[in-house]
PDB file of N, CA and C in Angstrom:
ATOM      1  N   MET A   1      79.333 143.867  81.856  1.00  0.00           N
ATOM      2  CA  MET A   1      77.830 143.989  81.261  1.00  0.00           C
ATOM      3  C   MET A   1      77.957 145.184  81.769  1.00  0.00           C
ATOM      4  N   ASN A   2      76.366 145.143  80.999  1.00  0.00           N
ATOM      5  CA  ASN A   2      75.503 146.340  80.828  1.00  0.00           C
ATOM      6  C   ASN A   2      74.540 145.859  82.147  1.00  0.00           C
ATOM      7  N   ILE A   3      74.205 146.425  82.812  1.00  0.00           N
ATOM      8  CA  ILE A   3      72.608 145.422  82.971  1.00  0.00           C
ATOM      9  C   ILE A   3      71.402 147.236  84.027  1.00  0.00           C
ATOM     10  N   ILE A   4      70.961 147.209  83.702  1.00  0.00           N
ATOM     11  CA  ILE A   4      69.827 148.096  84.080  1.00  0.00           C
ATOM     12  C   ILE A   4      69.062 147.454  85.128  1.00  0.00           C
ATOM     13  N   ILE A   5      69.194 148.557  86.260  1.00  0.00           N
ATOM     14  CA  ILE A   5      68.432 147.633  87.875  1.00  0.00           C
ATOM     15  C   ILE A   5      67.150 148.666  87.709  1.00  0.00           C
ATOM     16  N   ASP A   6      66.081 147.832  88.168  1.00  0.00           N
ATOM     17  CA  ASP A   6      64.901 148.187  88.627  1.00  0.00           C
ATOM     18  C   ASP A   6      64.424 148.838  89.861  1.00  0.00           C
ATOM     19  N   THR A   7      63.566 149.675  89.699  1.00  0.00           N
ATOM     20  CA  THR A   7      63.917 150.260  91.133  1.00  0.00           C
ATOM     21  C   THR A   7      63.447 150.069  92.270  1.00  0.00           C
ATOM     22  N   HIS A   8      62.730 148.778  92.059  1.00  0.00           N
ATOM     23  CA  HIS A   8      63.444 148.511  93.632  1.00  0.00           C
ATOM     24  C   HIS A   8      64.578 147.886  94.277  1.00  0.00           C
ATOM     25  N   ILE A   9      65.302 147.543  93.047  1.00  0.00           N
ATOM     26  CA  ILE A   9      66.771 147.276  92.922  1.00  0.00           C
ATOM     27  C   ILE A   9      67.592 148.265  93.494  1.00  0.00           C
ATOM     28  N   PHE A  10      67.075 149.137  93.256  1.00  0.00           N
ATOM     29  CA  PHE A  10      68.218 150.576  93.091  1.00  0.00           C
ATOM     30  C   PHE A  10      67.550 151.211  94.419  1.00  0.00           C
ATOM     31  N   LEU A  11      66.323 150.909  94.925  1.00  0.00           N
ATOM     32  CA  LEU A  11      66.182 151.321  96.520  1.00  0.00           C
ATOM     33  C   LEU A  11      66.689 150.337  97.251  1.00  0.00           C
ATOM     34  N   TRP A  12      67.048 149.378  97.366  1.00  0.00           N
ATOM     35  CA  TRP A  12      67.273 148.283  97.986  1.00  0.00           C
ATOM     36  C   TRP A  12      69.083 148.333  98.033  1.00  0.00           C
ATOM     37  N   ALA A  13      69.333 148.707  96.869  1.00  0.00           N
ATOM     38  CA  ALA A  13      71.164 149.137  97.019  1.00  0.00           C
ATOM     39  C   ALA A  13      71.483 149.796  97.565  1.00  0.00           C
ATOM     40  N   LEU A  14      70.860 150.824  97.706  1.00  0.00           N
ATOM     41  CA  LEU A  14      70.929 152.288  98.448  1.00  0.00           C
ATOM     42  C   LEU A  14      70.399 152.093  99.976  1.00  0.00           C
ATOM     43  N   THR A  15      69.344 151.606 100.318  1.00  0.00           N
ATOM     44  CA  THR A  15      69.119 151.299 101.904  1.00  0.00           C
ATOM     45  C   THR A  15      69.651 150.055 102.789  1.00  0.00           C
ATOM     46  N   ILE A  16      68.888 148.893 102.035  1.00  0.00           N
ATOM     47  CA  ILE A  16      68.985 147.419 102.423  1.00  0.00           C
ATOM     48  C   ILE A  16      69.678 146.779 101.693  1.00  0.00           C
ATOM     49  N   PRO A  17      71.178 146.674 101.272  1.00  0.00           N
ATOM     50  CA  PRO A  17      71.766 146.017 100.279  1.00  0.00           C
ATOM     51  C   PRO A  17      71.857 144.618 101.087  1.00  0.00           C
ATOM     52  N   SER A  18      71.609 144.585 102.078  1.00  0.00           N
ATOM     53  CA  SER A  18      71.506 142.799 102.627  1.00  0.00           C
ATOM     54  C   SER A  18      70.233 142.073 102.177  1.00  0.00           C
ATOM     55  N   LYS A  19      69.479 143.006 101.765  1.00  0.00           N
ATOM     56  CA  LYS A  19      67.675 142.170 101.096  1.00  0.00           C
ATOM     57  C   LYS A  19      68.417 141.552  99.960  1.00  0.00           C
ATOM     58  N   LEU A  20      69.594 141.542  99.079  1.00  0.00           N
ATOM     59  CA  LEU A  20      69.831 141.465  98.011  1.00  0.00           C
ATOM     60  C   LEU A  20      70.982 140.160  97.310  1.00  0.00           C
ATOM     61  N   GLU A  21      70.206 139.381  96.904  1.00  0.00           N
ATOM     62  CA  GLU A  21      71.351 137.894  97.083  1.00  0.00           C
ATOM     63  C   GLU A  21      72.718 138.260  97.069  1.00  0.00           C
ATOM     64  N   VAL A  22      73.342 137.728  97.124  1.00  0.00           N
ATOM     65  CA  VAL A  22      75.231 137.553  96.973  1.00  0.00           C
ATOM     66  C   VAL A  22      75.504 138.091  95.896  1.00  0.00           C
ATOM     67  N   ALA A  23      74.804 137.452  94.207  1.00  0.00           N
ATOM     68  CA  ALA A  23      75.423 137.070  93.205  1.00  0.00           C
ATOM     69  C   ALA A  23      74.935 138.380  93.264  1.00  0.00           C
ATOM     70  N   LYS A  24      73.871 138.892  93.016  1.00  0.00           N
ATOM     71  CA  LYS A  24      73.108 140.526  92.637  1.00  0.00           C
ATOM     72  C   LYS A  24      74.131 141.334  93.240  1.00  0.00           C
ATOM     73  N   ARG A  25      74.208 141.782  94.724  1.00  0.00           N
ATOM     74  CA  ARG A  25      75.279 142.428  95.153  1.00  0.00           C
ATOM     75  C   ARG A  25      76.606 142.302  94.973  1.00  0.00           C
ATOM     76  N   SER A  26      76.849 141.432  93.943  1.00  0.00           N
ATOM     77  CA  SER A  26      78.414 140.702  93.302  1.00  0.00           C
ATOM     78  C   SER A  26      78.399 141.749  92.075  1.00  0.00           C
ATOM     79  N   ALA A  27      77.406 141.869  91.030  1.00  0.00           N
ATOM     80  CA  ALA A  27      77.307 142.190  90.328  1.00  0.00           C
ATOM     81  C   ALA A  27      77.587 143.935  90.252  1.00  0.00           C
ATOM     82  N   LEU A  28      76.754 144.638  91.582  1.00  0.00           N
ATOM     83  CA  LEU A  28      75.836 145.675  91.618  1.00  0.00           C
ATOM     84  C   LEU A  28      77.650 145.967  91.911  1.00  0.00           C
ATOM     85  N   GLU A  29      78.888 145.718  92.600  1.00  0.00           N
ATOM     86  CA  GLU A  29      79.996 146.223  93.146  1.00  0.00           C
ATOM     87  C   GLU A  29      80.461 145.795  92.462  1.00  0.00           C
ATOM     88  N   ASP A  30      80.690 144.808  91.136  1.00  0.00           N
ATOM     89  CA  ASP A  30      81.996 144.771  90.255  1.00  0.00           C
ATOM     90  C   ASP A  30      81.902 145.835  89.577  1.00  0.00           C
ATOM     91  N   LEU A  31      83.518 146.517  89.896  1.00  0.00           N
ATOM     92  CA  LEU A  31      83.490 148.081  88.880  1.00  0.00           C
ATOM     93  C   LEU A  31      83.517 147.741  87.258  1.00  0.00           C
ATOM     94  N   SER A  32      83.577 146.257  86.555  1.00  0.00           N
ATOM     95  CA  SER A  32      83.545 146.154  85.416  1.00  0.00           C
ATOM     96  C   SER A  32      82.525 146.239  84.909  1.00  0.00           C
ATOM     97  N   ASN A  33      81.210 146.182  85.451  1.00  0.00           N
ATOM     98  CA  ASN A  33      80.072 146.216  85.384  1.00  0.00           C
ATOM     99  C   ASN A  33      79.501 147.671  85.271  1.00  0.00           C
ATOM    100  N   THR A  34      78.966 148.321  83.883  1.00  0.00           N
ATOM    101  CA  THR A  34      77.786 149.716  83.980  1.00  0.00           C
ATOM    102  C   THR A  34      76.308 149.231  84.503  1.00  0.00           C
ATOM    103  N   ILE A  35      76.739 149.505  85.249  1.00  0.00           N
ATOM    104  CA  ILE A  35      74.718 149.650  86.172  1.00  0.00           C
ATOM    105  C   ILE A  35      74.039 151.207  86.041  1.00  0.00           C
ATOM    106  N   PHE A  36      73.353 150.523  85.335  1.00  0.00           N
ATOM    107  CA  PHE A  36      72.090 151.420  85.175  1.00  0.00           C
ATOM    108  C   PHE A  36      71.215 152.106  85.581  1.00  0.00           C
ATOM    109  N   ILE A  37      70.519 152.981  86.157  1.00  0.00           N
ATOM    110  CA  ILE A  37      69.171 153.830  86.469  1.00  0.00           C
ATOM    111  C   ILE A  37      68.573 154.078  85.055  1.00  0.00           C
ATOM    112  N   SER A  38      67.459 153.304  85.243  1.00  0.00           N
ATOM    113  CA  SER A  38      66.523 154.323  83.643  1.00  0.00           C
ATOM    114  C   SER A  38      65.665 155.548  84.024  1.00  0.00           C
ATOM    115  N   ALA A  39      65.496 156.261  83.373  1.00  0.00           N
ATOM    116  CA  ALA A  39      65.087 158.048  83.668  1.00  0.00           C
ATOM    117  C   ALA A  39      63.582 157.173  84.400  1.00  0.00           C
ATOM    118  N   VAL A  40      63.062 155.428  83.482  1.00  0.00           N
ATOM    119  CA  VAL A  40      61.639 155.405  84.051  1.00  0.00           C
ATOM    120  C   VAL A  40      61.375 155.174  85.764  1.00  0.00           C
ATOM    121  N   SER A  41      63.051 154.841  86.356  1.00  0.00           N
ATOM    122  CA  SER A  41      62.486 154.403  87.770  1.00  0.00           C
ATOM    123  C   SER A  41      63.322 155.767  88.125  1.00  0.00           C
ATOM    124  N   ILE A  42      63.184 156.567  87.902  1.00  0.00           N
ATOM    125  CA  ILE A  42      63.465 158.013  88.607  1.00  0.00           C
ATOM    126  C   ILE A  42      61.951 158.443  88.148  1.00  0.00           C
ATOM    127  N   ALA A  43      61.571 158.043  87.025  1.00  0.00           N
ATOM    128  CA  ALA A  43      60.012 159.094  87.005  1.00  0.00           C
ATOM    129  C   ALA A  43      58.631 158.577  87.857  1.00  0.00           C
ATOM    130  N   GLU A  44      59.249 156.922  88.341  1.00  0.00           N
ATOM    131  CA  GLU A  44      57.983 155.980  88.988  1.00  0.00           C
ATOM    132  C   GLU A  44      58.829 156.362  90.550  1.00  0.00           C
ATOM    133  N   LEU A  45      59.701 156.951  91.099  1.00  0.00           N
ATOM    134  CA  LEU A  45      59.988 157.800  92.414  1.00  0.00           C
ATOM    135  C   LEU A  45      59.379 158.433  92.464  1.00  0.00           C
ATOM    136  N   MET A  46      59.871 160.001  91.711  1.00  0.00           N
ATOM    137  CA  MET A  46      58.772 161.355  91.750  1.00  0.00           C
ATOM    138  C   MET A  46      57.949 161.069  91.839  1.00  0.00           C
ATOM    139  N   ILE A  47      56.639 160.137  90.996  1.00  0.00           N
ATOM    140  CA  ILE A  47      55.531 160.372  90.966  1.00  0.00           C
ATOM    141  C   ILE A  47      55.201 159.560  91.992  1.00  0.00           C
ATOM    142  N   LYS A  48      55.466 158.715  92.581  1.00  0.00           N
ATOM    143  CA  LYS A  48      54.784 157.865  93.649  1.00  0.00           C
ATOM    144  C   LYS A  48      55.127 158.781  95.154  1.00  0.00           C
ATOM    145  N   ALA A  49      56.222 159.429  94.848  1.00  0.00           N
ATOM    146  CA  ALA A  49      56.534 160.325  95.562  1.00  0.00           C
ATOM    147  C   ALA A  49      55.431 161.478  95.954  1.00  0.00           C
ATOM    148  N   SER A  50      54.948 162.449  94.835  1.00  0.00           N
ATOM    149  CA  SER A  50      54.288 163.591  94.425  1.00  0.00           C
ATOM    150  C   SER A  50      52.396 162.637  95.323  1.00  0.00           C
ATOM    151  N   ILE A  51      52.418 161.658  94.901  1.00  0.00           N
ATOM    152  CA  ILE A  51      50.968 161.341  95.130  1.00  0.00           C
ATOM    153  C   ILE A  51      50.654 160.587  96.578  1.00  0.00           C
ATOM    154  N   GLY A  52      51.679 161.305  97.501  1.00  0.00           N
ATOM    155  CA  GLY A  52      52.106 160.433  98.835  1.00  0.00           C
ATOM    156  C   GLY A  52      52.306 158.947  99.398  1.00  0.00           C
ATOM    157  N   LYS A  53      52.599 158.098  97.979  1.00  0.00           N
ATOM    158  CA  LYS A  53      52.168 156.570  97.943  1.00  0.00           C
ATOM    159  C   LYS A  53      53.952 155.864  98.761  1.00  0.00           C
ATOM    160  N   MET A  54      55.294 157.279  98.712  1.00  0.00           N
ATOM    161  CA  MET A  54      56.290 156.750  99.275  1.00  0.00           C
ATOM    162  C   MET A  54      56.637 158.388  99.631  1.00  0.00           C
ATOM    163  N   GLU A  55      57.714 158.419 100.491  1.00  0.00           N
ATOM    164  CA  GLU A  55      58.642 159.430 100.941  1.00  0.00           C
ATOM    165  C   GLU A  55      59.816 159.277 100.044  1.00  0.00           C
ATOM    166  N   ILE A  56      60.721 160.059  99.569  1.00  0.00           N
ATOM    167  CA  ILE A  56      61.476 160.465  98.828  1.00  0.00           C
ATOM    168  C   ILE A  56      61.878 161.858  98.960  1.00  0.00           C
ATOM    169  N   ASN A  57      63.302 161.207 100.273  1.00  0.00           N
ATOM    170  CA  ASN A  57      64.061 162.878 100.881  1.00  0.00           C
ATOM    171  C   ASN A  57      64.987 162.800 100.199  1.00  0.00           C
ATOM    172  N   PHE A  58      65.408 162.520  99.398  1.00  0.00           N
ATOM    173  CA  PHE A  58      67.062 163.005  98.720  1.00  0.00           C
ATOM    174  C   PHE A  58      66.779 162.594  97.125  1.00  0.00           C
ATOM    175  N   ASP A  59      67.800 162.967  96.387  1.00  0.00           N
ATOM    176  CA  ASP A  59      68.075 163.784  95.110  1.00  0.00           C
ATOM    177  C   ASP A  59      68.326 162.631  93.986  1.00  0.00           C
ATOM    178  N   PRO A  60      67.139 161.188  93.680  1.00  0.00           N
ATOM    179  CA  PRO A  60      67.495 160.088  92.921  1.00  0.00           C
ATOM    180  C   PRO A  60      68.353 160.216  91.983  1.00  0.00           C
ATOM    181  N   VAL A  61      68.791 160.958  91.242  1.00  0.00           N
ATOM    182  CA  VAL A  61      69.534 161.077  90.448  1.00  0.00           C
ATOM    183  C   VAL A  61      70.893 161.997  90.654  1.00  0.00           C
ATOM    184  N   ALA A  62      71.046 162.549  92.056  1.00  0.00           N
ATOM    185  CA  ALA A  62      72.529 163.089  92.492  1.00  0.00           C
ATOM    186  C   ALA A  62      72.939 161.567  93.431  1.00  0.00           C
ATOM    187  N   ILE A  63      71.932 160.887  93.671  1.00  0.00           N
ATOM    188  CA  ILE A  63      72.482 159.547  94.719  1.00  0.00           C
ATOM    189  C   ILE A  63      72.523 158.478  93.842  1.00  0.00           C
ATOM    190  N   ALA A  64      72.061 158.365  92.458  1.00  0.00           N
ATOM    191  CA  ALA A  64      72.860 157.127  91.876  1.00  0.00           C
ATOM    192  C   ALA A  64      74.192 157.836  91.292  1.00  0.00           C
ATOM    193  N   LYS A  65      74.403 158.978  90.510  1.00  0.00           N
ATOM    194  CA  LYS A  65      75.883 159.552  90.084  1.00  0.00           C
ATOM    195  C   LYS A  65      76.811 159.154  91.405  1.00  0.00           C
ATOM    196  N   GLU A  66      76.316 159.250  92.524  1.00  0.00           N
ATOM    197  CA  GLU A  66      77.056 159.278  94.176  1.00  0.00           C
ATOM    198  C   GLU A  66      77.708 157.635  94.189  1.00  0.00           C
ATOM    199  N   SER A  67      76.455 157.188  93.507  1.00  0.00           N
ATOM    200  CA  SER A  67      76.916 155.606  94.176  1.00  0.00           C
ATOM    201  C   SER A  67      77.097 154.908  93.281  1.00  0.00           C
ATOM    202  N   GLY A  68      77.767 155.789  91.879  1.00  0.00           N
ATOM    203  CA  GLY A  68      78.745 154.630  90.725  1.00  0.00           C
ATOM    204  C   GLY A  68      77.170 154.520  89.289  1.00  0.00           C
ATOM    205  N   PHE A  69      76.717 154.381  89.766  1.00  0.00           N
ATOM    206  CA  PHE A  69      75.493 154.312  88.656  1.00  0.00           C
ATOM    207  C   PHE A  69      75.179 155.290  87.867  1.00  0.00           C
ATOM    208  N   ALA A  70      75.114 154.710  86.519  1.00  0.00           N
ATOM    209  CA  ALA A  70      74.969 155.538  85.231  1.00  0.00           C
ATOM    210  C   ALA A  70      73.613 155.605  85.225  1.00  0.00           C
ATOM    211  N   LEU A  71      73.033 157.026  84.369  1.00  0.00           N
ATOM    212  CA  LEU A  71      71.840 156.769  83.695  1.00  0.00           C
ATOM    213  C   LEU A  71      71.681 156.284  82.519  1.00  0.00           C
ATOM    214  N   LEU A  72      70.106 156.463  82.169  1.00  0.00           N
ATOM    215  CA  LEU A  72      69.879 155.853  81.157  1.00  0.00           C
ATOM    216  C   LEU A  72      68.627 156.294  80.484  1.00  0.00           C
ATOM    217  N   ASP A  73      68.470 157.153  79.425  1.00  0.00           N
ATOM    218  CA  ASP A  73      67.415 157.485  78.750  1.00  0.00           C
ATOM    219  C   ASP A  73      66.283 156.515  78.825  1.00  0.00           C
ATOM    220  N   PHE A  74      65.133 157.037  78.557  1.00  0.00           N
ATOM    221  CA  PHE A  74      64.368 155.976  77.871  1.00  0.00           C
ATOM    222  C   PHE A  74      64.131 156.686  76.146  1.00  0.00           C
ATOM    223  N   LYS A  75      64.311 155.647  75.900  1.00  0.00           N
ATOM    224  CA  LYS A  75      64.016 156.536  74.711  1.00  0.00           C
ATOM    225  C   LYS A  75      63.466 155.792  73.826  1.00  0.00           C
ATOM    226  N   ALA A  76      62.670 156.349  72.168  1.00  0.00           N
ATOM    227  CA  ALA A  76      61.788 156.558  71.363  1.00  0.00           C
ATOM    228  C   ALA A  76      61.599 155.107  71.078  1.00  0.00           C
ATOM    229  N   ASP A  77      62.798 154.257  70.450  1.00  0.00           N
ATOM    230  CA  ASP A  77      63.010 152.862  70.074  1.00  0.00           C
ATOM    231  C   ASP A  77      62.166 151.681  71.060  1.00  0.00           C
ATOM    232  N   ALA A  78      62.275 152.834  72.346  1.00  0.00           N
ATOM    233  CA  ALA A  78      62.395 151.277  73.401  1.00  0.00           C
ATOM    234  C   ALA A  78      60.679 151.782  73.591  1.00  0.00           C
ATOM    235  N   ALA A  79      59.485 152.822  73.709  1.00  0.00           N
ATOM    236  CA  ALA A  79      58.485 153.118  73.491  1.00  0.00           C
ATOM    237  C   ALA A  79      57.659 152.946  72.790  1.00  0.00           C
ATOM    238  N   ARG A  80      58.049 152.433  71.468  1.00  0.00           N
ATOM    239  CA  ARG A  80      57.219 151.640  69.969  1.00  0.00           C
ATOM    240  C   ARG A  80      57.548 150.336  70.555  1.00  0.00           C
ATOM    241  N   LEU A  81      57.786 149.792  71.069  1.00  0.00           N
ATOM    242  CA  LEU A  81      58.042 148.340  71.543  1.00  0.00           C
ATOM    243  C   LEU A  81      56.908 148.269  72.476  1.00  0.00           C
ATOM    244  N   LEU A  82      56.519 149.286  73.173  1.00  0.00           N
ATOM    245  CA  LEU A  82      55.329 149.308  74.449  1.00  0.00           C
ATOM    246  C   LEU A  82      53.559 148.584  73.182  1.00  0.00           C
ATOM    247  N   LYS A  83      54.240 149.052  72.282  1.00  0.00           N
ATOM    248  CA  LYS A  83      52.909 148.804  71.842  1.00  0.00           C
ATOM    249  C   LYS A  83      51.850 146.963  71.367  1.00  0.00           C
ATOM    250  N   ASP A  84      53.469 146.296  70.927  1.00  0.00           N
ATOM    251  CA  ASP A  84      52.821 144.529  70.783  1.00  0.00           C
ATOM    252  C   ASP A  84      53.932 143.780  71.916  1.00  0.00           C
ATOM    253  N   LEU A  85      53.715 144.455  73.035  1.00  0.00           N
ATOM    254  CA  LEU A  85      54.416 144.054  74.612  1.00  0.00           C
ATOM    255  C   LEU A  85      53.191 143.267  75.358  1.00  0.00           C
ATOM    256  N   PRO A  86      53.340 141.948  75.535  1.00  0.00           N
ATOM    257  CA  PRO A  86      52.510 141.273  76.249  1.00  0.00           C
ATOM    258  C   PRO A  86      52.348 141.739  77.225  1.00  0.00           C
ATOM    259  N   PHE A  87      50.860 141.697  78.284  1.00  0.00           N
ATOM    260  CA  PHE A  87      50.271 142.209  79.302  1.00  0.00           C
ATOM    261  C   PHE A  87      50.649 141.041  80.655  1.00  0.00           C
ATOM    262  N   HIS A  88      51.841 140.387  80.421  1.00  0.00           N
ATOM    263  CA  HIS A  88      52.101 139.332  81.365  1.00  0.00           C
ATOM    264  C   HIS A  88      52.171 140.761  82.646  1.00  0.00           C
ATOM    265  N   HIS A  89      52.655 141.831  82.395  1.00  0.00           N
ATOM    266  CA  HIS A  89      52.440 142.256  83.634  1.00  0.00           C
ATOM    267  C   HIS A  89      51.598 144.037  83.605  1.00  0.00           C
ATOM    268  N   ARG A  90      50.850 144.687  84.552  1.00  0.00           N
ATOM    269  CA  ARG A  90      49.934 145.615  84.114  1.00  0.00           C
ATOM    270  C   ARG A  90      51.241 147.104  84.724  1.00  0.00           C
ATOM    271  N   ASP A  91      52.045 147.115  85.104  1.00  0.00           N
ATOM    272  CA  ASP A  91      52.711 148.254  85.884  1.00  0.00           C
ATOM    273  C   ASP A  91      53.266 148.743  84.651  1.00  0.00           C
ATOM    274  N   PRO A  92      52.823 150.311  84.535  1.00  0.00           N
ATOM    275  CA  PRO A  92      53.489 150.600  83.118  1.00  0.00           C
ATOM    276  C   PRO A  92      54.872 150.807  83.444  1.00  0.00           C
ATOM    277  N   PHE A  93      55.149 151.085  84.889  1.00  0.00           N
ATOM    278  CA  PHE A  93      56.608 151.762  84.914  1.00  0.00           C
ATOM    279  C   PHE A  93      57.795 150.200  84.462  1.00  0.00           C
ATOM    280  N   ASP A  94      57.219 148.999  85.206  1.00  0.00           N
ATOM    281  CA  ASP A  94      57.866 147.712  84.627  1.00  0.00           C
ATOM    282  C   ASP A  94      57.628 147.344  83.088  1.00  0.00           C
ATOM    283  N   ARG A  95      56.657 147.905  82.349  1.00  0.00           N
ATOM    284  CA  ARG A  95      56.525 147.224  81.173  1.00  0.00           C
ATOM    285  C   ARG A  95      57.797 148.436  80.413  1.00  0.00           C
ATOM    286  N   MET A  96      57.950 149.159  81.042  1.00  0.00           N
ATOM    287  CA  MET A  96      58.872 150.381  79.632  1.00  0.00           C
ATOM    288  C   MET A  96      60.477 150.090  79.813  1.00  0.00           C
ATOM    289  N   LEU A  97      60.497 149.283  81.861  1.00  0.00           N
ATOM    290  CA  LEU A  97      61.832 148.949  82.188  1.00  0.00           C
ATOM    291  C   LEU A  97      61.920 147.440  80.731  1.00  0.00           C
ATOM    292  N   VAL A  98      60.996 147.055  80.545  1.00  0.00           N
ATOM    293  CA  VAL A  98      61.174 145.516  79.816  1.00  0.00           C
ATOM    294  C   VAL A  98      61.415 145.665  79.023  1.00  0.00           C
ATOM    295  N   ALA A  99      60.654 146.776  77.994  1.00  0.00           N
ATOM    296  CA  ALA A  99      60.810 147.424  76.709  1.00  0.00           C
ATOM    297  C   ALA A  99      62.222 148.170  76.667  1.00  0.00           C
ATOM    298  N   GLN A 100      62.534 148.298  77.569  1.00  0.00           N
ATOM    299  CA  GLN A 100      64.030 149.170  77.469  1.00  0.00           C
ATOM    300  C   GLN A 100      65.253 148.687  77.710  1.00  0.00           C
ATOM    301  N   SER A 101      64.813 146.532  78.392  1.00  0.00           N
ATOM    302  CA  SER A 101      65.865 145.795  78.087  1.00  0.00           C
ATOM    303  C   SER A 101      65.698 145.269  77.247  1.00  0.00           C
ATOM    304  N   ILE A 102      65.190 144.904  76.099  1.00  0.00           N
ATOM    305  CA  ILE A 102      64.912 144.810  74.757  1.00  0.00           C
ATOM    306  C   ILE A 102      65.235 145.608  74.197  1.00  0.00           C
ATOM    307  N   ALA A 103      65.047 146.886  73.877  1.00  0.00           N
ATOM    308  CA  ALA A 103      66.138 147.396  72.667  1.00  0.00           C
ATOM    309  C   ALA A 103      67.292 147.815  72.651  1.00  0.00           C
ATOM    310  N   GLU A 104      67.474 148.210  74.252  1.00  0.00           N
ATOM    311  CA  GLU A 104      69.364 147.816  74.040  1.00  0.00           C
ATOM    312  C   GLU A 104      69.948 146.562  74.225  1.00  0.00           C
ATOM    313  N   ASN A 105      69.306 145.389  74.600  1.00  0.00           N
ATOM    314  CA  ASN A 105      69.560 144.040  74.868  1.00  0.00           C
ATOM    315  C   ASN A 105      70.629 144.101  75.692  1.00  0.00           C
ATOM    316  N   TYR A 106      69.996 145.165  77.118  1.00  0.00           N
ATOM    317  CA  TYR A 106      70.842 145.214  78.407  1.00  0.00           C
ATOM    318  C   TYR A 106      70.091 144.048  79.281  1.00  0.00           C
ATOM    319  N   PRO A 107      70.410 143.194  80.252  1.00  0.00           N
ATOM    320  CA  PRO A 107      70.124 142.606  81.419  1.00  0.00           C
ATOM    321  C   PRO A 107      69.055 143.155  82.184  1.00  0.00           C
ATOM    322  N   ILE A 108      67.714 142.631  82.719  1.00  0.00           N
ATOM    323  CA  ILE A 108      67.348 143.444  83.574  1.00  0.00           C
ATOM    324  C   ILE A 108      67.343 143.037  85.198  1.00  0.00           C
ATOM    325  N   MET A 109      67.985 143.534  86.168  1.00  0.00           N
ATOM    326  CA  MET A 109      68.110 143.030  87.719  1.00  0.00           C
ATOM    327  C   MET A 109      66.905 143.676  88.259  1.00  0.00           C
ATOM    328  N   THR A 110      66.288 142.388  88.582  1.00  0.00           N
ATOM    329  CA  THR A 110      65.099 142.293  89.070  1.00  0.00           C
ATOM    330  C   THR A 110      64.806 141.222  90.360  1.00  0.00           C
ATOM    331  N   GLU A 111      63.428 141.133  91.239  1.00  0.00           N
ATOM    332  CA  GLU A 111      63.332 140.736  91.989  1.00  0.00           C
ATOM    333  C   GLU A 111      61.583 140.068  91.202  1.00  0.00           C
ATOM    334  N   ASP A 112      61.318 140.832  90.554  1.00  0.00           N
ATOM    335  CA  ASP A 112      59.874 140.483  89.809  1.00  0.00           C
ATOM    336  C   ASP A 112      59.901 139.337  88.959  1.00  0.00           C
ATOM    337  N   ILE A 113      59.084 138.232  89.537  1.00  0.00           N
ATOM    338  CA  ILE A 113      59.589 137.095  88.649  1.00  0.00           C
ATOM    339  C   ILE A 113      57.945 137.265  87.160  1.00  0.00           C
ATOM    340  N   LYS A 114      57.353 138.462  87.424  1.00  0.00           N
ATOM    341  CA  LYS A 114      56.583 138.514  85.801  1.00  0.00           C
ATOM    342  C   LYS A 114      57.214 139.366  84.963  1.00  0.00           C
ATOM    343  N   ILE A 115      58.619 139.788  85.357  1.00  0.00           N
ATOM    344  CA  ILE A 115      59.205 140.350  84.238  1.00  0.00           C
ATOM    345  C   ILE A 115      59.933 139.021  83.651  1.00  0.00           C
ATOM    346  N   LYS A 116      60.013 138.123  84.053  1.00  0.00           N
ATOM    347  CA  LYS A 116      60.676 136.797  83.727  1.00  0.00           C
ATOM    348  C   LYS A 116      60.238 136.112  82.367  1.00  0.00           C
ATOM    349  N   LYS A 117      58.719 136.413  82.253  1.00  0.00           N
ATOM    350  CA  LYS A 117      58.456 135.916  81.468  1.00  0.00           C
ATOM    351  C   LYS A 117      58.263 136.433  80.454  1.00  0.00           C
ATOM    352  N   TYR A 118      58.753 137.872  79.985  1.00  0.00           N
ATOM    353  CA  TYR A 118      58.571 138.744  79.089  1.00  0.00           C
ATOM    354  C   TYR A 118      60.335 137.984  78.321  1.00  0.00           C
ATOM    355  N   ASN A 119      60.724 138.329  76.947  1.00  0.00           N
ATOM    356  CA  ASN A 119      61.192 138.025  76.051  1.00  0.00           C
ATOM    357  C   ASN A 119      62.481 139.051  75.996  1.00  0.00           C
ATOM    358  N   CYS A 120      62.675 139.219  77.649  1.00  0.00           N
ATOM    359  CA  CYS A 120      63.754 140.522  77.534  1.00  0.00           C
ATOM    360  C   CYS A 120      65.042 139.549  78.441  1.00  0.00           C
ATOM    361  N   PRO A 121      66.186 140.140  78.107  1.00  0.00           N
ATOM    362  CA  PRO A 121      67.264 139.342  78.861  1.00  0.00           C
ATOM    363  C   PRO A 121      67.249 140.386  80.407  1.00  0.00           C
ATOM    364  N   VAL A 122      67.213 138.746  81.201  1.00  0.00           N
ATOM    365  CA  VAL A 122      66.929 138.987  82.530  1.00  0.00           C
ATOM    366  C   VAL A 122      68.334 138.606  83.428  1.00  0.00           C
ATOM    367  N   PHE A 123      69.071 139.275  83.902  1.00  0.00           N
ATOM    368  CA  PHE A 123      70.321 138.789  84.854  1.00  0.00           C
ATOM    369  C   PHE A 123      69.904 138.117  86.120  1.00  0.00           C
ATOM    370  N   GLU A 124      70.205 137.078  85.673  1.00  0.00           N
ATOM    371  CA  GLU A 124      70.384 135.990  86.699  1.00  0.00           C
ATOM    372  C   GLU A 124      71.468 135.540  87.929  1.00  0.00           C
ATOM    373  N   GLY A 125      72.783 135.992  87.799  1.00  0.00           N
ATOM    374  CA  GLY A 125      73.420 136.054  88.277  1.00  0.00           C
ATOM    375  C   GLY A 125      74.491 134.465  88.170  1.00  0.00           C
TER     376      GLY A 125
END
């Protein structure tokens, strides 16, 4: 299965995997799954670090690769979906992840209940 993980899941997987439900941890560890980190999540981390909202003392691209995660570029087809995406969520990064999930038809793994309001596949475990 191909799964996009949101930024929180990425950070928890790296720092406090015990915060993740067993089904989510199992899916992340299952080598038959391809776990994607979106370029959107990398951008979110870098922007938040640049404005002092969070400290990032690691290279998220390098650590994603070292952790066995695949990188997923944000494409124009996903960007086009943003125009008609309902505003269940105001966070632009989460909206881009939803659009990417729809465009790629990959479920998104998240703890954000607002994302479940969208017509996108969500990993339920």
